[in-house]
């Protein structure tokens, strides 16, 4: 999946013109998190070292980050019957599951 395809998918899933302008930034943050999770001891690793099977997961992380904008770090919130809470201040571990940290040199 190309960067353009990933960005288009994030914008489609966010489906809010006001928030879509943040999509490129949050996609880059999500890509960085995936690279860091996959290659924790290889600062020279980059997005090109991430297998394509993780691209959709990266899109999901970016959508999560965009949708959470304005409520960063929130642990609990209830208003008019709507409740929000986040499992962590960063990206929840459930979004990072399946990304197996690698040891060694990226290919």
C-alpha atoms as a PDB file:
ATOM      1  CA  UNK A   1       0.000   0.000   0.000  1.00  0.00           C
ATOM      2  CA  UNK A   2       1.481   3.352  -1.007  1.00  0.00           C
ATOM      3  CA  UNK A   3       1.603   6.393   1.259  1.00  0.00           C
ATOM      4  CA  UNK A   4      -1.056   8.048  -0.887  1.00  0.00           C
ATOM      5  CA  UNK A   5      -3.369   5.032  -0.559  1.00  0.00           C
ATOM      6  CA  UNK A   6      -2.851   4.963   3.191  1.00  0.00           C
ATOM      7  CA  UNK A   7      -3.589   8.680   3.486  1.00  0.00           C
ATOM      8  CA  UNK A   8      -6.739   8.337   1.360  1.00  0.00           C
ATOM      9  CA  UNK A   9      -7.925   5.485   3.587  1.00  0.00           C
ATOM     10  CA  UNK A  10      -7.307   7.504   6.769  1.00  0.00           C
ATOM     11  CA  UNK A  11      -9.257  10.453   5.341  1.00  0.00           C
ATOM     12  CA  UNK A  12     -12.088   8.154   4.245  1.00  0.00           C
ATOM     13  CA  UNK A  13     -12.350   6.513   7.667  1.00  0.00           C
ATOM     14  CA  UNK A  14     -12.168   9.819   9.557  1.00  0.00           C
ATOM     15  CA  UNK A  15     -14.940  11.220   7.309  1.00  0.00           C
ATOM     16  CA  UNK A  16     -14.746  14.738   8.739  1.00  0.00           C
ATOM     17  CA  UNK A  17     -13.324  17.535   6.610  1.00  0.00           C
ATOM     18  CA  UNK A  18     -12.318  19.482   9.726  1.00  0.00           C
ATOM     19  CA  UNK A  19     -10.196  16.580  10.974  1.00  0.00           C
ATOM     20  CA  UNK A  20      -8.918  15.285   7.613  1.00  0.00           C
ATOM     21  CA  UNK A  21      -6.375  18.092   7.437  1.00  0.00           C
ATOM     22  CA  UNK A  22      -4.585  16.436  10.382  1.00  0.00           C
ATOM     23  CA  UNK A  23      -4.466  13.042   8.640  1.00  0.00           C
ATOM     24  CA  UNK A  24      -0.991  13.409   7.041  1.00  0.00           C
ATOM     25  CA  UNK A  25       0.589  14.373  10.356  1.00  0.00           C
ATOM     26  CA  UNK A  26      -1.070  11.562  12.312  1.00  0.00           C
ATOM     27  CA  UNK A  27      -0.243   9.025   9.606  1.00  0.00           C
ATOM     28  CA  UNK A  28       3.439   9.957   9.953  1.00  0.00           C
ATOM     29  CA  UNK A  29       3.179   9.600  13.741  1.00  0.00           C
ATOM     30  CA  UNK A  30       1.539   6.184  13.337  1.00  0.00           C
ATOM     31  CA  UNK A  31       4.236   5.063  10.908  1.00  0.00           C
ATOM     32  CA  UNK A  32       6.914   6.163  13.366  1.00  0.00           C
ATOM     33  CA  UNK A  33       5.253   4.232  16.188  1.00  0.00           C
ATOM     34  CA  UNK A  34       5.077   1.065  14.081  1.00  0.00           C
ATOM     35  CA  UNK A  35       8.748   1.380  13.094  1.00  0.00           C
ATOM     36  CA  UNK A  36       9.750   2.001  16.734  1.00  0.00           C
ATOM     37  CA  UNK A  37       7.707  -0.966  17.925  1.00  0.00           C
ATOM     38  CA  UNK A  38       9.056  -3.287  15.250  1.00  0.00           C
ATOM     39  CA  UNK A  39      12.705  -2.173  15.457  1.00  0.00           C
ATOM     40  CA  UNK A  40      13.181  -0.924  19.054  1.00  0.00           C
ATOM     41  CA  UNK A  41      16.984  -1.185  18.965  1.00  0.00           C
ATOM     42  CA  UNK A  42      17.651   0.004  15.419  1.00  0.00           C
ATOM     43  CA  UNK A  43      17.516   3.800  15.151  1.00  0.00           C
ATOM     44  CA  UNK A  44      18.450   3.523  11.461  1.00  0.00           C
ATOM     45  CA  UNK A  45      15.266   1.551  10.693  1.00  0.00           C
ATOM     46  CA  UNK A  46      12.683   3.292   8.552  1.00  0.00           C
ATOM     47  CA  UNK A  47       9.214   2.819   7.111  1.00  0.00           C
ATOM     48  CA  UNK A  48      10.666   0.878   4.167  1.00  0.00           C
ATOM     49  CA  UNK A  49      11.648  -1.859   6.669  1.00  0.00           C
ATOM     50  CA  UNK A  50       8.021  -2.451   7.710  1.00  0.00           C
ATOM     51  CA  UNK A  51       6.224  -5.300   5.908  1.00  0.00           C
ATOM     52  CA  UNK A  52       3.118  -4.400   3.913  1.00  0.00           C
ATOM     53  CA  UNK A  53       0.951  -6.609   6.138  1.00  0.00           C
ATOM     54  CA  UNK A  54       1.238  -3.882   8.818  1.00  0.00           C
ATOM     55  CA  UNK A  55       0.089  -0.999   6.607  1.00  0.00           C
ATOM     56  CA  UNK A  56      -3.631  -1.382   7.405  1.00  0.00           C
ATOM     57  CA  UNK A  57      -2.806  -1.596  11.097  1.00  0.00           C
ATOM     58  CA  UNK A  58      -0.878   1.662  10.708  1.00  0.00           C
ATOM     59  CA  UNK A  59      -3.938   3.245   9.083  1.00  0.00           C
ATOM     60  CA  UNK A  60      -6.054   2.112  12.065  1.00  0.00           C
ATOM     61  CA  UNK A  61      -3.568   3.720  14.469  1.00  0.00           C
ATOM     62  CA  UNK A  62      -3.649   6.987  12.496  1.00  0.00           C
ATOM     63  CA  UNK A  63      -7.469   7.009  12.518  1.00  0.00           C
ATOM     64  CA  UNK A  64      -7.433   6.385  16.274  1.00  0.00           C
ATOM     65  CA  UNK A  65      -5.069   9.336  16.785  1.00  0.00           C
ATOM     66  CA  UNK A  66      -7.128  11.691  14.597  1.00  0.00           C
ATOM     67  CA  UNK A  67     -10.387  10.737  16.302  1.00  0.00           C
ATOM     68  CA  UNK A  68      -8.875  11.245  19.736  1.00  0.00           C
ATOM     69  CA  UNK A  69      -7.687  14.763  18.877  1.00  0.00           C
ATOM     70  CA  UNK A  70      -8.741  17.222  21.561  1.00  0.00           C
ATOM     71  CA  UNK A  71      -9.089  14.533  24.196  1.00  0.00           C
ATOM     72  CA  UNK A  72      -5.433  13.506  24.511  1.00  0.00           C
ATOM     73  CA  UNK A  73      -4.610  11.742  27.742  1.00  0.00           C
ATOM     74  CA  UNK A  74      -8.246  11.418  28.778  1.00  0.00           C
ATOM     75  CA  UNK A  75      -8.806   8.497  31.125  1.00  0.00           C
ATOM     76  CA  UNK A  76     -12.525   8.897  31.746  1.00  0.00           C
ATOM     77  CA  UNK A  77     -15.258  11.279  30.654  1.00  0.00           C
ATOM     78  CA  UNK A  78     -19.044  11.079  30.784  1.00  0.00           C
ATOM     79  CA  UNK A  79     -21.394  13.673  29.371  1.00  0.00           C
ATOM     80  CA  UNK A  80     -24.996  13.385  28.162  1.00  0.00           C
ATOM     81  CA  UNK A  81     -24.875   9.606  28.194  1.00  0.00           C
ATOM     82  CA  UNK A  82     -21.611   9.416  26.252  1.00  0.00           C
ATOM     83  CA  UNK A  83     -18.652   7.848  28.054  1.00  0.00           C
ATOM     84  CA  UNK A  84     -15.013   7.981  26.979  1.00  0.00           C
ATOM     85  CA  UNK A  85     -11.940   6.416  28.478  1.00  0.00           C
ATOM     86  CA  UNK A  86      -8.592   5.406  27.063  1.00  0.00           C
ATOM     87  CA  UNK A  87      -6.540   2.394  27.989  1.00  0.00           C
ATOM     88  CA  UNK A  88      -3.336   4.452  27.966  1.00  0.00           C
ATOM     89  CA  UNK A  89      -2.144   8.004  27.360  1.00  0.00           C
ATOM     90  CA  UNK A  90      -0.446   6.896  24.138  1.00  0.00           C
ATOM     91  CA  UNK A  91      -1.510   4.348  21.588  1.00  0.00           C
ATOM     92  CA  UNK A  92      -3.372   1.466  23.252  1.00  0.00           C
ATOM     93  CA  UNK A  93      -1.506  -1.826  23.242  1.00  0.00           C
ATOM     94  CA  UNK A  94      -4.417  -3.458  21.428  1.00  0.00           C
ATOM     95  CA  UNK A  95      -3.545  -1.362  18.345  1.00  0.00           C
ATOM     96  CA  UNK A  96       0.068  -2.524  18.508  1.00  0.00           C
ATOM     97  CA  UNK A  97      -0.676  -6.222  18.943  1.00  0.00           C
ATOM     98  CA  UNK A  98       0.711  -8.361  16.181  1.00  0.00           C
ATOM     99  CA  UNK A  99       3.731  -6.125  15.701  1.00  0.00           C
ATOM    100  CA  UNK A 100       6.573  -8.374  16.788  1.00  0.00           C
ATOM    101  CA  UNK A 101       9.729  -6.525  17.848  1.00  0.00           C
ATOM    102  CA  UNK A 102      12.726  -7.551  15.753  1.00  0.00           C
ATOM    103  CA  UNK A 103      16.318  -7.868  16.872  1.00  0.00           C
ATOM    104  CA  UNK A 104      19.146  -7.410  14.451  1.00  0.00           C
ATOM    105  CA  UNK A 105      19.654  -5.266  11.415  1.00  0.00           C
ATOM    106  CA  UNK A 106      16.638  -4.227   9.271  1.00  0.00           C
ATOM    107  CA  UNK A 107      16.713  -5.692   5.773  1.00  0.00           C
END
